[in-house]
């Protein structure tokens, strides 16, 4: 049996591979404040009520938004102050166009003490999942 001795460079390489694999695994996991559209609908039914929060700009909101949604622009200068006025105990279901802004907004709301703020994704996916929408002009 031919056994090769592991040298220091081999050990370092092996450690680097293990570390990178571990870090990559952590990055790939979903965030604890994200729900699928279906999970969002289930939560809405279980809770009986929730604040549906559209974090897109006003123009996007006027064209198409979920029924009964509140619009607070995540990119707006007043986002933090408007969010700070909301009830921290309520359930919030956040969405945007693709789920990116709403994910960032949910993360920010969680940091502000809103423990029940959830990113439910993008409006197109939500519409396909059965959320009622309002089309504007």
Protein backbone atom coordinates (compact mmCIF):
# COMPACT_ATOMS: atom_id res chain seq x y z
CA UNK A 1 0.00 0.00 0.00
CA UNK A 2 1.40 3.33 -1.06
CA UNK A 3 0.80 5.94 1.62
CA UNK A 4 1.83 9.47 1.00
CA UNK A 5 2.68 11.75 3.81
CA UNK A 6 0.56 14.88 4.09
CA UNK A 7 2.73 17.95 4.09
CA UNK A 8 1.90 21.36 5.59
CA UNK A 9 0.78 22.78 2.21
CA UNK A 10 -1.59 19.79 1.76
CA UNK A 11 -3.08 20.33 5.22
CA UNK A 12 -3.55 24.05 4.54
CA UNK A 13 -5.23 23.33 1.22
CA UNK A 14 -7.55 20.80 2.85
CA UNK A 15 -8.45 23.27 5.61
CA UNK A 16 -9.14 25.99 3.04
CA UNK A 17 -11.47 23.69 1.08
CA UNK A 18 -13.36 22.72 4.23
CA UNK A 19 -13.69 26.37 5.28
CA UNK A 20 -14.90 27.53 1.87
CA UNK A 21 -17.41 24.70 1.66
CA UNK A 22 -18.78 25.60 5.09
CA UNK A 23 -19.04 29.30 4.25
CA UNK A 24 -20.69 28.57 0.88
CA UNK A 25 -23.23 26.36 2.62
CA UNK A 26 -24.12 29.15 5.04
CA UNK A 27 -24.53 31.70 2.26
CA UNK A 28 -26.79 29.43 0.24
CA UNK A 29 -29.36 28.91 3.00
CA UNK A 30 -32.55 30.96 2.94
CA UNK A 31 -33.01 33.83 5.34
CA UNK A 32 -35.19 33.16 8.37
CA UNK A 33 -37.55 36.04 7.48
CA UNK A 34 -38.51 34.83 4.01
CA UNK A 35 -41.69 32.92 3.16
CA UNK A 36 -42.88 31.44 -0.08
CA UNK A 37 -46.05 33.04 -1.48
CA UNK A 38 -47.98 29.96 -0.35
CA UNK A 39 -46.56 30.20 3.19
CA UNK A 40 -47.54 33.87 3.22
CA UNK A 41 -51.14 33.00 2.30
CA UNK A 42 -51.21 30.35 5.02
CA UNK A 43 -49.89 32.81 7.60
CA UNK A 44 -52.46 35.39 6.50
CA UNK A 45 -55.27 32.84 6.97
CA UNK A 46 -53.91 31.68 10.34
CA UNK A 47 -53.46 35.19 11.71
CA UNK A 48 -56.73 36.53 10.33
CA UNK A 49 -55.05 39.80 9.41
CA UNK A 50 -51.70 41.16 8.38
CA UNK A 51 -50.31 44.35 6.93
CA UNK A 52 -49.42 43.77 3.30
CA UNK A 53 -46.54 46.13 2.64
CA UNK A 54 -45.45 47.06 -0.89
CA UNK A 55 -41.94 48.53 -0.68
CA UNK A 56 -41.74 49.63 -4.33
CA UNK A 57 -41.92 53.22 -5.54
CA UNK A 58 -45.23 55.06 -5.91
CA UNK A 59 -45.26 54.78 -9.71
CA UNK A 60 -44.81 51.00 -9.58
CA UNK A 61 -47.49 50.79 -6.90
CA UNK A 62 -50.05 52.78 -8.93
CA UNK A 63 -49.62 50.48 -11.94
CA UNK A 64 -50.16 47.23 -10.02
CA UNK A 65 -50.32 46.27 -6.36
CA UNK A 66 -51.81 43.69 -4.07
CA UNK A 67 -55.27 44.37 -2.73
CA UNK A 68 -55.26 46.32 0.57
CA UNK A 69 -51.49 46.90 0.35
CA UNK A 70 -49.80 49.80 2.11
CA UNK A 71 -47.06 51.47 0.05
CA UNK A 72 -43.85 52.55 1.79
CA UNK A 73 -40.93 52.97 -0.63
CA UNK A 74 -37.86 51.13 0.69
CA UNK A 75 -35.64 53.46 -1.36
CA UNK A 76 -37.40 56.57 -0.02
CA UNK A 77 -35.67 58.91 2.41
CA UNK A 78 -38.59 58.53 4.83
CA UNK A 79 -38.66 54.71 4.93
CA UNK A 80 -37.24 54.37 8.45
CA UNK A 81 -39.43 57.09 9.94
CA UNK A 82 -42.61 55.71 8.33
CA UNK A 83 -41.79 52.17 9.45
CA UNK A 84 -41.06 53.39 12.99
CA UNK A 85 -44.69 54.63 13.21
CA UNK A 86 -46.09 51.13 12.62
CA UNK A 87 -47.20 48.60 15.26
CA UNK A 88 -44.23 46.37 16.09
CA UNK A 89 -46.55 43.54 17.19
CA UNK A 90 -48.42 43.22 13.87
CA UNK A 91 -47.69 40.72 11.11
CA UNK A 92 -46.14 42.27 7.98
CA UNK A 93 -46.00 40.58 4.58
CA UNK A 94 -43.58 42.52 2.36
CA UNK A 95 -43.21 42.36 -1.39
CA UNK A 96 -41.68 44.29 -4.29
CA UNK A 97 -41.04 43.48 -7.96
CA UNK A 98 -38.65 40.55 -7.51
CA UNK A 99 -38.26 40.03 -3.75
CA UNK A 100 -34.91 41.77 -3.37
CA UNK A 101 -36.04 45.11 -1.95
CA UNK A 102 -38.67 43.43 0.20
CA UNK A 103 -36.02 41.04 1.54
CA UNK A 104 -33.79 43.96 2.48
CA UNK A 105 -36.75 45.83 3.96
CA UNK A 106 -37.82 42.81 6.03
CA UNK A 107 -34.27 42.46 7.32
CA UNK A 108 -34.21 46.15 8.23
CA UNK A 109 -37.60 45.93 9.93
CA UNK A 110 -36.41 42.92 11.95
CA UNK A 111 -33.40 44.98 13.07
CA UNK A 112 -35.84 47.71 14.15
CA UNK A 113 -37.77 45.27 16.38
CA UNK A 114 -40.49 44.03 14.00
CA UNK A 115 -40.22 40.31 14.77
CA UNK A 116 -43.10 39.37 12.48
CA UNK A 117 -41.97 41.01 9.23
CA UNK A 118 -41.77 38.52 6.36
CA UNK A 119 -40.56 38.83 2.77
CA UNK A 120 -43.05 37.03 0.53
CA UNK A 121 -41.32 37.81 -2.77
CA UNK A 122 -42.19 39.54 -6.03
CA UNK A 123 -45.58 40.72 -7.22
CA UNK A 124 -45.65 38.60 -10.40
CA UNK A 125 -45.08 35.40 -8.42
CA UNK A 126 -47.64 36.51 -5.82
CA UNK A 127 -50.23 37.18 -8.51
CA UNK A 128 -49.65 33.71 -9.97
CA UNK A 129 -50.07 32.23 -6.47
CA UNK A 130 -53.53 33.69 -6.06
CA UNK A 131 -53.04 36.98 -4.27
CA UNK A 132 -55.68 39.48 -5.43
CA UNK A 133 -54.22 42.45 -7.32
CA UNK A 134 -55.39 45.93 -8.25
CA UNK A 135 -54.36 47.27 -11.65
CA UNK A 136 -54.09 51.01 -12.11
CA UNK A 137 -53.10 53.33 -14.89
